[in-house]
């Protein structure tokens, strides 16, 4: 097991969105080849313990991670009161695109393949952003997501996409099945038996983490 890398606080222009960037060192003589941007969902933030757990598993596999707040502090306060922003998928996707372009420019991450891990409405934002940056984004994973909210962007996604849903999250399973039919890229739907929407059951989040790790390590292999 490799040491957990220290996080570096970053801000994404032009709005100054806050994020935590973690880049592990070389493993077995091999360089890190991928970075996964986390697009958080409804009412969540970069401090989400569930996404931080997944991020730690990806880091142990040699992937860099960027845990990002898609809303500013002021926007988050408004959203907590009336959920004004959390379903504005186009705005959230625009924030993911801004962060993607920043990763592509930054000297610490510019050489790395980029993947997205989206949860809830963040999954829809990630898929819309992936459709906007097909030459940059190499893989997408959705956890308990609402990929159906990506709408017309779904057929334009070229990045291999994995949808993960809890087996007891029946409504969301149906919505993911609908989105799966619209996707034209390499795609899979994985159902975690016995898990509810937040994957709080014993061992459920571990299954999500392993599925995501395997998907990203398979697809985030960019040439030097």
Protein backbone atom coordinates (compact mmCIF):
# COMPACT_ATOMS: atom_id res chain seq x y z
CA UNK A 1 0.00 0.00 0.00
CA UNK A 2 1.32 3.43 -0.91
CA UNK A 3 1.17 6.43 1.46
CA UNK A 4 -1.87 8.67 1.11
CA UNK A 5 -0.72 11.83 -0.71
CA UNK A 6 -1.14 15.18 0.98
CA UNK A 7 -3.86 17.41 -0.43
CA UNK A 8 -3.11 20.75 -2.01
CA UNK A 9 -5.86 23.41 -1.80
CA UNK A 10 -6.54 24.96 -5.19
CA UNK A 11 -8.90 27.49 -6.72
CA UNK A 12 -10.38 27.30 -10.20
CA UNK A 13 -10.70 30.57 -12.14
CA UNK A 14 -12.60 32.63 -12.98
CA UNK A 15 -14.99 32.14 -10.05
CA UNK A 16 -12.48 30.79 -7.54
CA UNK A 17 -14.15 27.43 -6.96
CA UNK A 18 -12.41 25.59 -4.11
CA UNK A 19 -10.87 22.16 -4.50
CA UNK A 20 -8.44 19.69 -2.96
CA UNK A 21 -5.86 18.17 -5.31
CA UNK A 22 -3.96 15.01 -4.33
CA UNK A 23 -1.23 13.53 -6.52
CA UNK A 24 0.41 10.25 -5.43
CA UNK A 25 4.03 9.58 -6.17
CA UNK A 26 5.41 7.05 -8.64
CA UNK A 27 4.45 3.44 -7.92
CA UNK A 28 6.80 0.60 -8.72
CA UNK A 29 8.70 2.88 -11.07
CA UNK A 30 5.53 3.80 -12.97
CA UNK A 31 4.31 7.37 -13.17
CA UNK A 32 0.79 8.47 -12.31
CA UNK A 33 -1.16 8.60 -15.58
CA UNK A 34 -4.63 9.76 -14.57
CA UNK A 35 -6.51 12.30 -12.51
CA UNK A 36 -10.14 11.91 -11.46
CA UNK A 37 -12.30 14.99 -10.94
CA UNK A 38 -15.13 14.48 -8.43
CA UNK A 39 -18.41 16.22 -9.32
CA UNK A 40 -20.49 16.23 -6.15
CA UNK A 41 -24.25 15.97 -6.13
CA UNK A 42 -27.23 17.59 -4.53
CA UNK A 43 -26.44 19.32 -1.26
CA UNK A 44 -22.93 17.88 -1.06
CA UNK A 45 -19.41 19.29 -1.24
CA UNK A 46 -15.78 18.30 -1.57
CA UNK A 47 -15.92 17.25 2.09
CA UNK A 48 -18.35 14.39 1.35
CA UNK A 49 -17.05 11.38 3.36
CA UNK A 50 -18.35 8.97 0.72
CA UNK A 51 -16.49 10.59 -2.15
CA UNK A 52 -13.39 11.02 0.02
CA UNK A 53 -13.45 7.30 0.69
CA UNK A 54 -13.60 6.57 -3.04
CA UNK A 55 -10.84 9.12 -3.67
CA UNK A 56 -8.56 7.42 -1.15
CA UNK A 57 -8.99 4.08 -2.93
CA UNK A 58 -8.16 5.70 -6.28
CA UNK A 59 -5.09 7.35 -4.77
CA UNK A 60 -3.90 3.99 -3.46
CA UNK A 61 -4.22 2.71 -7.04
CA UNK A 62 -1.93 5.52 -8.24
CA UNK A 63 -4.50 7.98 -9.53
CA UNK A 64 -4.54 11.67 -8.71
CA UNK A 65 -7.83 13.14 -7.49
CA UNK A 66 -9.47 16.56 -7.49
CA UNK A 67 -12.33 16.96 -5.00
CA UNK A 68 -14.10 20.12 -6.13
CA UNK A 69 -16.93 22.32 -4.89
CA UNK A 70 -19.15 23.17 -7.86
CA UNK A 71 -20.78 26.04 -5.96
CA UNK A 72 -19.26 29.08 -4.30
CA UNK A 73 -19.88 29.65 -0.59
CA UNK A 74 -22.60 32.22 -1.38
CA UNK A 75 -24.28 29.92 -3.91
CA UNK A 76 -24.20 27.03 -1.48
CA UNK A 77 -25.99 29.11 1.15
CA UNK A 78 -28.75 29.89 -1.35
CA UNK A 79 -28.93 26.28 -2.47
CA UNK A 80 -29.31 24.98 1.08
CA UNK A 81 -32.32 27.26 1.52
CA UNK A 82 -34.18 26.56 -1.72
CA UNK A 83 -32.20 24.01 -3.84
CA UNK A 84 -31.86 26.75 -6.45
CA UNK A 85 -28.61 25.56 -8.05
CA UNK A 86 -28.39 21.82 -7.55
CA UNK A 87 -30.56 20.98 -10.57
CA UNK A 88 -29.03 23.61 -12.85
CA UNK A 89 -27.14 20.95 -14.80
CA UNK A 90 -25.86 23.31 -17.50
CA UNK A 91 -24.31 25.62 -14.92
CA UNK A 92 -22.78 22.73 -12.97
CA UNK A 93 -21.45 21.19 -16.19
CA UNK A 94 -19.87 24.52 -17.07
CA UNK A 95 -18.05 24.47 -13.75
CA UNK A 96 -16.80 20.93 -14.45
CA UNK A 97 -15.54 22.09 -17.87
CA UNK A 98 -13.70 25.01 -16.24
CA UNK A 99 -12.01 22.62 -13.83
CA UNK A 100 -11.17 20.23 -16.68
CA UNK A 101 -9.49 22.98 -18.66
CA UNK A 102 -7.59 24.02 -15.53
CA UNK A 103 -6.34 20.44 -15.04
CA UNK A 104 -5.23 20.34 -18.67
CA UNK A 105 -3.25 23.57 -18.23
CA UNK A 106 -1.74 23.06 -14.79
CA UNK A 107 1.85 21.69 -14.95
CA UNK A 108 1.11 19.20 -12.15
CA UNK A 109 -1.72 17.52 -14.07
CA UNK A 110 -1.43 18.63 -17.68
CA UNK A 111 0.12 15.34 -18.83
CA UNK A 112 -2.49 13.18 -17.10
CA UNK A 113 -5.58 11.51 -18.55
CA UNK A 114 -8.75 12.98 -17.03
CA UNK A 115 -11.71 11.04 -15.68
CA UNK A 116 -14.89 12.09 -13.89
CA UNK A 117 -16.57 10.59 -10.83
CA UNK A 118 -20.07 12.02 -10.45
CA UNK A 119 -22.63 11.50 -7.70
CA UNK A 120 -26.35 12.31 -7.83
CA UNK A 121 -26.88 15.41 -10.01
CA UNK A 122 -23.09 15.73 -10.29
CA UNK A 123 -23.17 12.66 -12.53
CA UNK A 124 -25.35 14.51 -15.03
CA UNK A 125 -23.02 17.51 -14.92
CA UNK A 126 -20.04 15.20 -15.50
CA UNK A 127 -21.66 13.57 -18.53
CA UNK A 128 -22.57 16.91 -20.09
CA UNK A 129 -18.98 18.09 -19.53
CA UNK A 130 -17.62 14.86 -21.01
CA UNK A 131 -19.67 15.52 -24.14
CA UNK A 132 -18.15 19.02 -24.30
CA UNK A 133 -14.56 17.78 -23.93
CA UNK A 134 -14.45 14.46 -25.84
CA UNK A 135 -10.73 14.77 -26.65
CA UNK A 136 -9.74 15.23 -23.00
CA UNK A 137 -12.08 13.13 -20.86
CA UNK A 138 -11.28 9.42 -21.04
CA UNK A 139 -13.66 7.80 -18.50
CA UNK A 140 -16.76 8.56 -16.41
CA UNK A 141 -18.14 6.80 -13.33
CA UNK A 142 -21.53 7.63 -11.80
CA UNK A 143 -22.43 6.67 -8.20
CA UNK A 144 -26.12 6.72 -7.42
CA UNK A 145 -26.32 9.31 -10.14
CA UNK A 146 -28.98 10.99 -12.23
CA UNK A 147 -27.43 10.53 -15.69
CA UNK A 148 -30.89 10.95 -17.20
CA UNK A 149 -30.63 14.67 -16.40
CA UNK A 150 -27.81 14.96 -18.95
CA UNK A 151 -30.55 14.74 -21.60
CA UNK A 152 -29.47 15.40 -25.16
CA UNK A 153 -25.78 15.25 -24.21
CA UNK A 154 -25.92 11.49 -23.55
CA UNK A 155 -25.56 10.30 -27.18
CA UNK A 156 -22.58 12.67 -27.60
CA UNK A 157 -20.53 11.17 -24.73
CA UNK A 158 -17.56 9.23 -26.10
CA UNK A 159 -15.78 8.44 -22.82
CA UNK A 160 -16.36 4.89 -21.47
CA UNK A 161 -19.05 5.26 -18.82
CA UNK A 162 -19.83 3.12 -15.78
CA UNK A 163 -23.14 3.62 -13.94
CA UNK A 164 -23.27 2.25 -10.36
CA UNK A 165 -26.60 2.02 -8.54
CA UNK A 166 -27.75 0.45 -5.28
CA UNK A 167 -29.94 -2.61 -5.66
CA UNK A 168 -32.62 -1.14 -3.38
CA UNK A 169 -32.61 2.24 -5.15
CA UNK A 170 -35.37 1.16 -7.54
CA UNK A 171 -36.37 4.52 -9.00
CA UNK A 172 -32.76 5.46 -9.71
CA UNK A 173 -32.10 2.05 -11.27
CA UNK A 174 -34.86 2.76 -13.78
CA UNK A 175 -33.51 6.24 -14.53
CA UNK A 176 -30.02 4.80 -15.06
CA UNK A 177 -31.40 2.13 -17.39
CA UNK A 178 -33.03 4.88 -19.43
CA UNK A 179 -29.75 6.80 -19.64
CA UNK A 180 -27.84 3.63 -20.52
CA UNK A 181 -30.02 3.19 -23.61
CA UNK A 182 -29.18 6.74 -24.73
CA UNK A 183 -25.41 6.39 -24.33
CA UNK A 184 -23.50 5.41 -27.51
CA UNK A 185 -20.08 4.93 -25.91
CA UNK A 186 -18.61 1.90 -24.15
CA UNK A 187 -20.92 1.54 -21.16
CA UNK A 188 -21.90 -0.65 -18.23
CA UNK A 189 -24.52 -0.60 -15.48
CA UNK A 190 -23.46 -2.23 -12.21
CA UNK A 191 -25.97 -2.80 -9.41
CA UNK A 192 -24.66 -3.24 -5.86
CA UNK A 193 -26.97 -5.80 -4.18
CA UNK A 194 -28.76 -4.63 -1.05
CA UNK A 195 -27.47 -1.05 -1.25
CA UNK A 196 -29.67 2.02 -0.95
CA UNK A 197 -29.11 5.41 -2.57
CA UNK A 198 -26.24 6.54 -0.32
CA UNK A 199 -24.50 3.13 -0.16
CA UNK A 200 -24.48 3.30 3.63
CA UNK A 201 -24.79 -0.47 4.10
CA UNK A 202 -21.80 -2.46 5.29
CA UNK A 203 -19.41 -3.10 2.40
CA UNK A 204 -21.49 -1.20 -0.19
CA UNK A 205 -19.17 1.78 -0.55
CA UNK A 206 -16.18 -0.55 -0.75
CA UNK A 207 -17.81 -2.23 -3.75
CA UNK A 208 -18.37 1.14 -5.37
CA UNK A 209 -14.74 2.09 -4.76
CA UNK A 210 -13.39 -1.10 -6.30
CA UNK A 211 -15.66 -0.83 -9.34
CA UNK A 212 -14.55 2.77 -9.87
CA UNK A 213 -10.87 1.92 -9.33
CA UNK A 214 -10.99 -0.87 -11.90
CA UNK A 215 -12.81 1.30 -14.44
CA UNK A 216 -10.39 4.20 -14.13
CA UNK A 217 -7.22 2.12 -14.09
CA UNK A 218 -8.43 0.39 -17.24
CA UNK A 219 -9.30 3.53 -19.16
CA UNK A 220 -6.99 6.27 -17.87
CA UNK A 221 -3.92 5.16 -19.75
CA UNK A 222 -2.57 8.06 -21.74
CA UNK A 223 0.64 7.91 -23.76
CA UNK A 224 3.57 9.75 -22.23
